[in-house]
PDB file of all heavy atoms in Angstrom:
ATOM      1  N   ALA A   1       0.874  -1.192  -0.011  1.00  0.00           N
ATOM      2  CA  ALA A   1      -0.011   0.021  -0.014  1.00  0.00           C
ATOM      3  C   ALA A   1       0.914   1.240  -0.008  1.00  0.00           C
ATOM      4  O   ALA A   1       1.722   1.367  -0.887  1.00  0.00           O
ATOM      5  CB  ALA A   1      -0.978  -0.013   1.188  1.00  0.00           C
ATOM      6  N   ASP A   2       0.755   2.082   1.034  1.00  0.00           N
ATOM      7  CA  ASP A   2       1.574   3.305   1.045  1.00  0.00           C
ATOM      8  C   ASP A   2       2.760   3.232   1.989  1.00  0.00           C
ATOM      9  O   ASP A   2       3.396   4.216   2.350  1.00  0.00           O
ATOM     10  CB  ASP A   2       0.720   4.542   1.300  1.00  0.00           C
ATOM     11  CG  ASP A   2       0.046   4.482   2.642  1.00  0.00           C
ATOM     12  OD1 ASP A   2       0.031   3.358   3.253  1.00  0.00           O
ATOM     13  OD2 ASP A   2      -0.466   5.518   3.111  1.00  0.00           O
ATOM     14  N   ASP A   3       2.999   2.022   2.555  1.00  0.00           N
ATOM     15  CA  ASP A   3       4.184   1.821   3.389  1.00  0.00           C
ATOM     16  C   ASP A   3       5.271   1.265   2.538  1.00  0.00           C
ATOM     17  O   ASP A   3       5.102   0.176   1.914  1.00  0.00           O
ATOM     18  CB  ASP A   3       3.870   0.861   4.524  1.00  0.00           C
ATOM     19  CG  ASP A   3       2.973   1.441   5.655  1.00  0.00           C
ATOM     20  OD1 ASP A   3       3.021   2.699   5.725  1.00  0.00           O
ATOM     21  OD2 ASP A   3       2.241   0.703   6.326  1.00  0.00           O
ATOM     22  N   ILE A   4       6.426   1.935   2.534  1.00  0.00           N
ATOM     23  CA  ILE A   4       7.467   1.560   1.590  1.00  0.00           C
ATOM     24  C   ILE A   4       8.863   1.603   2.244  1.00  0.00           C
ATOM     25  O   ILE A   4       9.146   2.476   3.059  1.00  0.00           O
ATOM     26  CB  ILE A   4       7.518   2.524   0.407  1.00  0.00           C
ATOM     27  CG1 ILE A   4       6.109   2.788  -0.140  1.00  0.00           C
ATOM     28  CG2 ILE A   4       8.357   2.006  -0.724  1.00  0.00           C
ATOM     29  CD1 ILE A   4       6.007   3.951  -1.139  1.00  0.00           C
ATOM     30  N   VAL A   5       9.710   0.679   1.874  1.00  0.00           N
ATOM     31  CA  VAL A   5      11.106   0.676   2.297  1.00  0.00           C
ATOM     32  C   VAL A   5      11.936   0.651   0.991  1.00  0.00           C
ATOM     33  O   VAL A   5      11.735  -0.190   0.109  1.00  0.00           O
ATOM     34  CB  VAL A   5      11.463  -0.584   3.158  1.00  0.00           C
ATOM     35  CG1 VAL A   5      12.994  -0.605   3.410  1.00  0.00           C
ATOM     36  CG2 VAL A   5      10.751  -0.533   4.473  1.00  0.00           C
ATOM     37  N   PHE A   6      12.886   1.600   0.884  1.00  0.00           N
ATOM     38  CA  PHE A   6      13.793   1.626  -0.227  1.00  0.00           C
ATOM     39  C   PHE A   6      15.209   1.272   0.319  1.00  0.00           C
ATOM     40  O   PHE A   6      15.624   1.715   1.402  1.00  0.00           O
ATOM     41  CB  PHE A   6      13.835   3.050  -0.842  1.00  0.00           C
ATOM     42  CG  PHE A   6      12.577   3.488  -1.432  1.00  0.00           C
ATOM     43  CD1 PHE A   6      11.714   4.379  -0.718  1.00  0.00           C
ATOM     44  CD2 PHE A   6      12.179   3.092  -2.688  1.00  0.00           C
ATOM     45  CE1 PHE A   6      10.540   4.817  -1.264  1.00  0.00           C
ATOM     46  CE2 PHE A   6      10.961   3.530  -3.249  1.00  0.00           C
ATOM     47  CZ  PHE A   6      10.142   4.390  -2.520  1.00  0.00           C
ATOM     48  N   CYS A   7      15.897   0.431  -0.445  1.00  0.00           N
ATOM     49  CA  CYS A   7      17.228  -0.075  -0.017  1.00  0.00           C
ATOM     50  C   CYS A   7      18.227   0.336  -1.074  1.00  0.00           C
ATOM     51  O   CYS A   7      18.074   0.019  -2.257  1.00  0.00           O
ATOM     52  CB  CYS A   7      17.226  -1.570   0.110  1.00  0.00           C
ATOM     53  SG  CYS A   7      15.810  -2.180   1.145  1.00  0.00           S
ATOM     54  N   PHE A   8      19.350   0.982  -0.626  1.00  0.00           N
ATOM     55  CA  PHE A   8      20.400   1.350  -1.523  1.00  0.00           C
ATOM     56  C   PHE A   8      21.747   0.899  -0.951  1.00  0.00           C
ATOM     57  O   PHE A   8      21.980   0.905   0.236  1.00  0.00           O
ATOM     58  CB  PHE A   8      20.411   2.861  -1.681  1.00  0.00           C
ATOM     59  CG  PHE A   8      19.223   3.373  -2.437  1.00  0.00           C
ATOM     60  CD1 PHE A   8      18.092   3.781  -1.754  1.00  0.00           C
ATOM     61  CD2 PHE A   8      19.192   3.484  -3.844  1.00  0.00           C
ATOM     62  CE1 PHE A   8      16.991   4.228  -2.401  1.00  0.00           C
ATOM     63  CE2 PHE A   8      18.126   3.936  -4.473  1.00  0.00           C
ATOM     64  CZ  PHE A   8      16.988   4.332  -3.778  1.00  0.00           C
ATOM     65  N   GLN A   9      22.588   0.520  -1.848  1.00  0.00           N
ATOM     66  CA  GLN A   9      23.961   0.049  -1.447  1.00  0.00           C
ATOM     67  C   GLN A   9      24.806   1.199  -0.959  1.00  0.00           C
ATOM     68  O   GLN A   9      25.584   1.073  -0.051  1.00  0.00           O
ATOM     69  CB  GLN A   9      24.644  -0.703  -2.627  1.00  0.00           C
ATOM     70  CG  GLN A   9      25.943  -1.292  -2.253  1.00  0.00           C
ATOM     71  CD  GLN A   9      26.547  -2.190  -3.375  1.00  0.00           C
ATOM     72  OE1 GLN A   9      25.876  -2.326  -4.388  1.00  0.00           O
ATOM     73  NE2 GLN A   9      27.744  -2.606  -3.170  1.00  0.00           N
ATOM     74  N   TYR A  10      24.649   2.378  -1.624  1.00  0.00           N
ATOM     75  CA  TYR A  10      25.473   3.496  -1.308  1.00  0.00           C
ATOM     76  C   TYR A  10      24.679   4.656  -0.719  1.00  0.00           C
ATOM     77  O   TYR A  10      23.566   5.010  -1.128  1.00  0.00           O
ATOM     78  CB  TYR A  10      26.173   3.986  -2.628  1.00  0.00           C
ATOM     79  CG  TYR A  10      27.050   2.977  -3.238  1.00  0.00           C
ATOM     80  CD1 TYR A  10      26.835   2.543  -4.569  1.00  0.00           C
ATOM     81  CD2 TYR A  10      28.084   2.372  -2.543  1.00  0.00           C
ATOM     82  CE1 TYR A  10      27.630   1.627  -5.183  1.00  0.00           C
ATOM     83  CE2 TYR A  10      28.900   1.403  -3.123  1.00  0.00           C
ATOM     84  CZ  TYR A  10      28.670   1.052  -4.445  1.00  0.00           C
ATOM     85  OH  TYR A  10      29.451   0.099  -5.021  1.00  0.00           O
ATOM     86  N   LYS A  11      25.263   5.256   0.327  1.00  0.00           N
ATOM     87  CA  LYS A  11      24.617   6.353   1.088  1.00  0.00           C
ATOM     88  C   LYS A  11      24.327   7.540   0.162  1.00  0.00           C
ATOM     89  O   LYS A  11      23.217   8.137   0.234  1.00  0.00           O
ATOM     90  CB  LYS A  11      25.524   6.783   2.213  1.00  0.00           C
ATOM     91  CG  LYS A  11      24.917   7.893   3.087  1.00  0.00           C
ATOM     92  CD  LYS A  11      25.931   8.241   4.218  1.00  0.00           C
ATOM     93  CE  LYS A  11      25.348   9.331   5.082  1.00  0.00           C
ATOM     94  NZ  LYS A  11      26.276   9.673   6.218  1.00  0.00           N
ATOM     95  N   ALA A  12      25.266   7.880  -0.722  1.00  0.00           N
ATOM     96  CA  ALA A  12      25.067   9.026  -1.616  1.00  0.00           C
ATOM     97  C   ALA A  12      23.829   8.818  -2.511  1.00  0.00           C
ATOM     98  O   ALA A  12      23.082   9.759  -2.817  1.00  0.00           O
ATOM     99  CB  ALA A  12      26.321   9.240  -2.444  1.00  0.00           C
ATOM    100  N   GLU A  13      23.632   7.642  -2.992  1.00  0.00           N
ATOM    101  CA  GLU A  13      22.556   7.336  -3.857  1.00  0.00           C
ATOM    102  C   GLU A  13      21.204   7.330  -3.096  1.00  0.00           C
ATOM    103  O   GLU A  13      20.163   7.725  -3.682  1.00  0.00           O
ATOM    104  CB  GLU A  13      22.718   6.025  -4.540  1.00  0.00           C
ATOM    105  CG  GLU A  13      23.875   6.050  -5.551  1.00  0.00           C
ATOM    106  CD  GLU A  13      24.074   4.765  -6.369  1.00  0.00           C
ATOM    107  OE1 GLU A  13      23.487   3.739  -5.978  1.00  0.00           O
ATOM    108  OE2 GLU A  13      24.756   4.818  -7.439  1.00  0.00           O
ATOM    109  N   ALA A  14      21.225   6.987  -1.833  1.00  0.00           N
ATOM    110  CA  ALA A  14      20.055   7.066  -0.976  1.00  0.00           C
ATOM    111  C   ALA A  14      19.605   8.548  -0.807  1.00  0.00           C
ATOM    112  O   ALA A  14      18.447   8.912  -0.853  1.00  0.00           O
ATOM    113  CB  ALA A  14      20.288   6.384   0.407  1.00  0.00           C
ATOM    114  N   LYS A  15      20.601   9.379  -0.494  1.00  0.00           N
ATOM    115  CA  LYS A  15      20.299  10.816  -0.364  1.00  0.00           C
ATOM    116  C   LYS A  15      19.816  11.449  -1.642  1.00  0.00           C
ATOM    117  O   LYS A  15      18.893  12.271  -1.631  1.00  0.00           O
ATOM    118  CB  LYS A  15      21.552  11.542   0.140  1.00  0.00           C
ATOM    119  CG  LYS A  15      21.946  11.229   1.617  1.00  0.00           C
ATOM    120  CD  LYS A  15      23.081  12.068   2.098  1.00  0.00           C
ATOM    121  CE  LYS A  15      23.326  11.836   3.583  1.00  0.00           C
ATOM    122  NZ  LYS A  15      24.421  12.670   4.081  1.00  0.00           N
ATOM    123  N   TRP A  16      20.465  11.090  -2.736  1.00  0.00           N
ATOM    124  CA  TRP A  16      20.024  11.585  -4.068  1.00  0.00           C
ATOM    125  C   TRP A  16      18.555  11.188  -4.350  1.00  0.00           C
ATOM    126  O   TRP A  16      17.764  12.002  -4.817  1.00  0.00           O
ATOM    127  CB  TRP A  16      20.996  11.041  -5.159  1.00  0.00           C
ATOM    128  CG  TRP A  16      20.369  11.178  -6.542  1.00  0.00           C
ATOM    129  CD1 TRP A  16      20.208  12.263  -7.313  1.00  0.00           C
ATOM    130  CD2 TRP A  16      19.853  10.069  -7.316  1.00  0.00           C
ATOM    131  NE1 TRP A  16      19.628  11.972  -8.508  1.00  0.00           N
ATOM    132  CE2 TRP A  16      19.366  10.619  -8.510  1.00  0.00           C
ATOM    133  CE3 TRP A  16      19.608   8.732  -7.068  1.00  0.00           C
ATOM    134  CZ2 TRP A  16      18.742   9.838  -9.476  1.00  0.00           C
ATOM    135  CZ3 TRP A  16      19.033   7.978  -8.071  1.00  0.00           C
ATOM    136  CH2 TRP A  16      18.601   8.510  -9.207  1.00  0.00           C
ATOM    137  N   PHE A  17      18.273   9.933  -4.065  1.00  0.00           N
ATOM    138  CA  PHE A  17      16.991   9.403  -4.336  1.00  0.00           C
ATOM    139  C   PHE A  17      15.897  10.097  -3.484  1.00  0.00           C
ATOM    140  O   PHE A  17      14.785  10.369  -3.961  1.00  0.00           O
ATOM    141  CB  PHE A  17      16.868   7.885  -4.070  1.00  0.00           C
ATOM    142  CG  PHE A  17      15.508   7.323  -4.102  1.00  0.00           C
ATOM    143  CD1 PHE A  17      14.769   7.202  -5.300  1.00  0.00           C
ATOM    144  CD2 PHE A  17      14.854   6.984  -2.911  1.00  0.00           C
ATOM    145  CE1 PHE A  17      13.502   6.718  -5.321  1.00  0.00           C
ATOM    146  CE2 PHE A  17      13.540   6.492  -2.926  1.00  0.00           C
ATOM    147  CZ  PHE A  17      12.874   6.389  -4.147  1.00  0.00           C
ATOM    148  N   PHE A  18      16.218  10.422  -2.231  1.00  0.00           N
ATOM    149  CA  PHE A  18      15.298  11.061  -1.362  1.00  0.00           C
ATOM    150  C   PHE A  18      14.808  12.410  -1.973  1.00  0.00           C
ATOM    151  O   PHE A  18      13.632  12.706  -1.919  1.00  0.00           O
ATOM    152  CB  PHE A  18      15.893  11.300  -0.007  1.00  0.00           C
ATOM    153  CG  PHE A  18      14.975  11.829   1.057  1.00  0.00           C
ATOM    154  CD1 PHE A  18      14.049  10.996   1.688  1.00  0.00           C
ATOM    155  CD2 PHE A  18      14.884  13.192   1.356  1.00  0.00           C
ATOM    156  CE1 PHE A  18      13.166  11.466   2.637  1.00  0.00           C
ATOM    157  CE2 PHE A  18      13.984  13.695   2.256  1.00  0.00           C
ATOM    158  CZ  PHE A  18      13.144  12.825   2.926  1.00  0.00           C
ATOM    159  N   GLU A  19      15.741  13.133  -2.544  1.00  0.00           N
ATOM    160  CA  GLU A  19      15.318  14.395  -3.158  1.00  0.00           C
ATOM    161  C   GLU A  19      14.505  14.160  -4.386  1.00  0.00           C
ATOM    162  O   GLU A  19      13.508  14.847  -4.705  1.00  0.00           O
ATOM    163  CB  GLU A  19      16.593  15.191  -3.518  1.00  0.00           C
ATOM    164  CG  GLU A  19      17.400  15.607  -2.327  1.00  0.00           C
ATOM    165  CD  GLU A  19      18.695  16.316  -2.712  1.00  0.00           C
ATOM    166  OE1 GLU A  19      18.986  16.483  -3.943  1.00  0.00           O
ATOM    167  OE2 GLU A  19      19.394  16.764  -1.783  1.00  0.00           O
ATOM    168  N   GLU A  20      14.857  13.161  -5.227  1.00  0.00           N
ATOM    169  CA  GLU A  20      14.118  12.796  -6.403  1.00  0.00           C
ATOM    170  C   GLU A  20      12.732  12.367  -6.076  1.00  0.00           C
ATOM    171  O   GLU A  20      11.737  12.653  -6.723  1.00  0.00           O
ATOM    172  CB  GLU A  20      14.829  11.712  -7.157  1.00  0.00           C
ATOM    173  CG  GLU A  20      16.166  12.107  -7.771  1.00  0.00           C
ATOM    174  CD  GLU A  20      16.012  13.070  -8.931  1.00  0.00           C
ATOM    175  OE1 GLU A  20      15.098  12.857  -9.767  1.00  0.00           O
ATOM    176  OE2 GLU A  20      16.782  14.050  -8.941  1.00  0.00           O
ATOM    177  N   LEU A  21      12.602  11.585  -4.940  1.00  0.00           N
ATOM    178  CA  LEU A  21      11.297  11.078  -4.525  1.00  0.00           C
ATOM    179  C   LEU A  21      10.340  12.211  -4.168  1.00  0.00           C
ATOM    180  O   LEU A  21       9.151  12.153  -4.527  1.00  0.00           O
ATOM    181  CB  LEU A  21      11.458  10.122  -3.293  1.00  0.00           C
ATOM    182  CG  LEU A  21      10.243   9.524  -2.736  1.00  0.00           C
ATOM    183  CD1 LEU A  21       9.479   8.671  -3.750  1.00  0.00           C
ATOM    184  CD2 LEU A  21      10.541   8.690  -1.473  1.00  0.00           C
ATOM    185  N   GLU A  22      10.863  13.189  -3.447  1.00  0.00           N
ATOM    186  CA  GLU A  22       9.956  14.303  -3.055  1.00  0.00           C
ATOM    187  C   GLU A  22       9.444  15.040  -4.294  1.00  0.00           C
ATOM    188  O   GLU A  22       8.245  15.379  -4.327  1.00  0.00           O
ATOM    189  CB  GLU A  22      10.729  15.290  -2.153  1.00  0.00           C
ATOM    190  CG  GLU A  22      10.965  14.772  -0.752  1.00  0.00           C
ATOM    191  CD  GLU A  22      11.565  15.800   0.147  1.00  0.00           C
ATOM    192  OE1 GLU A  22      12.655  16.342  -0.187  1.00  0.00           O
ATOM    193  OE2 GLU A  22      10.949  16.112   1.218  1.00  0.00           O
ATOM    194  N   GLN A  23      10.319  15.221  -5.263  1.00  0.00           N
ATOM    195  CA  GLN A  23       9.859  15.880  -6.507  1.00  0.00           C
ATOM    196  C   GLN A  23       8.865  15.027  -7.300  1.00  0.00           C
ATOM    197  O   GLN A  23       7.875  15.529  -7.826  1.00  0.00           O
ATOM    198  CB  GLN A  23      11.069  16.201  -7.364  1.00  0.00           C
ATOM    199  CG  GLN A  23      12.032  17.228  -6.752  1.00  0.00           C
ATOM    200  CD  GLN A  23      13.237  17.496  -7.626  1.00  0.00           C
ATOM    201  OE1 GLN A  23      13.167  17.281  -8.831  1.00  0.00           O
ATOM    202  NE2 GLN A  23      14.357  17.893  -7.064  1.00  0.00           N
ATOM    203  N   ARG A  24       9.142  13.724  -7.376  1.00  0.00           N
ATOM    204  CA  ARG A  24       8.278  12.800  -8.087  1.00  0.00           C
ATOM    205  C   ARG A  24       6.876  12.792  -7.445  1.00  0.00           C
ATOM    206  O   ARG A  24       5.850  12.920  -8.173  1.00  0.00           O
ATOM    207  CB  ARG A  24       8.868  11.434  -8.093  1.00  0.00           C
ATOM    208  CG  ARG A  24       7.964  10.323  -8.697  1.00  0.00           C
ATOM    209  CD  ARG A  24       7.832  10.549 -10.155  1.00  0.00           C
ATOM    210  NE  ARG A  24       7.075   9.437 -10.821  1.00  0.00           N
ATOM    211  CZ  ARG A  24       6.797   9.363 -12.040  1.00  0.00           C
ATOM    212  NH1 ARG A  24       7.225  10.286 -12.914  1.00  0.00           N
ATOM    213  NH2 ARG A  24       6.058   8.376 -12.553  1.00  0.00           N
ATOM    214  N   LEU A  25       6.809  12.644  -6.163  1.00  0.00           N
ATOM    215  CA  LEU A  25       5.505  12.589  -5.520  1.00  0.00           C
ATOM    216  C   LEU A  25       4.765  13.870  -5.627  1.00  0.00           C
ATOM    217  O   LEU A  25       3.478  13.915  -5.783  1.00  0.00           O
ATOM    218  CB  LEU A  25       5.671  12.252  -4.003  1.00  0.00           C
ATOM    219  CG  LEU A  25       6.189  10.820  -3.699  1.00  0.00           C
ATOM    220  CD1 LEU A  25       6.337  10.621  -2.190  1.00  0.00           C
ATOM    221  CD2 LEU A  25       5.322   9.750  -4.322  1.00  0.00           C
ATOM    222  N   GLY A  26       5.484  15.013  -5.637  1.00  0.00           N
ATOM    223  CA  GLY A  26       4.825  16.312  -5.756  1.00  0.00           C
ATOM    224  C   GLY A  26       4.106  16.433  -7.093  1.00  0.00           C
ATOM    225  O   GLY A  26       3.043  17.116  -7.141  1.00  0.00           O
ATOM    226  N   LYS A  27       4.559  15.782  -8.152  1.00  0.00           N
ATOM    227  CA  LYS A  27       3.943  15.850  -9.412  1.00  0.00           C
ATOM    228  C   LYS A  27       2.570  15.179  -9.397  1.00  0.00           C
ATOM    229  O   LYS A  27       1.721  15.411 -10.217  1.00  0.00           O
ATOM    230  CB  LYS A  27       4.817  15.219 -10.472  1.00  0.00           C
ATOM    231  CG  LYS A  27       6.089  15.973 -10.805  1.00  0.00           C
ATOM    232  CD  LYS A  27       6.934  15.223 -11.818  1.00  0.00           C
ATOM    233  CE  LYS A  27       8.190  15.985 -12.122  1.00  0.00           C
ATOM    234  NZ  LYS A  27       9.056  15.260 -13.117  1.00  0.00           N
ATOM    235  N   PHE A  28       2.312  14.265  -8.422  1.00  0.00           N
ATOM    236  CA  PHE A  28       1.102  13.537  -8.338  1.00  0.00           C
ATOM    237  C   PHE A  28       0.252  13.958  -7.140  1.00  0.00           C
ATOM    238  O   PHE A  28      -0.614  13.222  -6.624  1.00  0.00           O
ATOM    239  CB  PHE A  28       1.414  12.021  -8.241  1.00  0.00           C
ATOM    240  CG  PHE A  28       1.955  11.454  -9.513  1.00  0.00           C
ATOM    241  CD1 PHE A  28       3.295  11.551  -9.771  1.00  0.00           C
ATOM    242  CD2 PHE A  28       1.140  10.881 -10.459  1.00  0.00           C
ATOM    243  CE1 PHE A  28       3.875  10.978 -10.903  1.00  0.00           C
ATOM    244  CE2 PHE A  28       1.727  10.321 -11.631  1.00  0.00           C
ATOM    245  CZ  PHE A  28       3.080  10.414 -11.902  1.00  0.00           C
TER     246      PHE A  28
END
């Protein structure tokens, strides 16, 4: 449902994704 866990090997990619996620969700 709306409970989600994202897993990344690298910390930098996790931080990058977090910013991308906020922008992506904002579009919807």
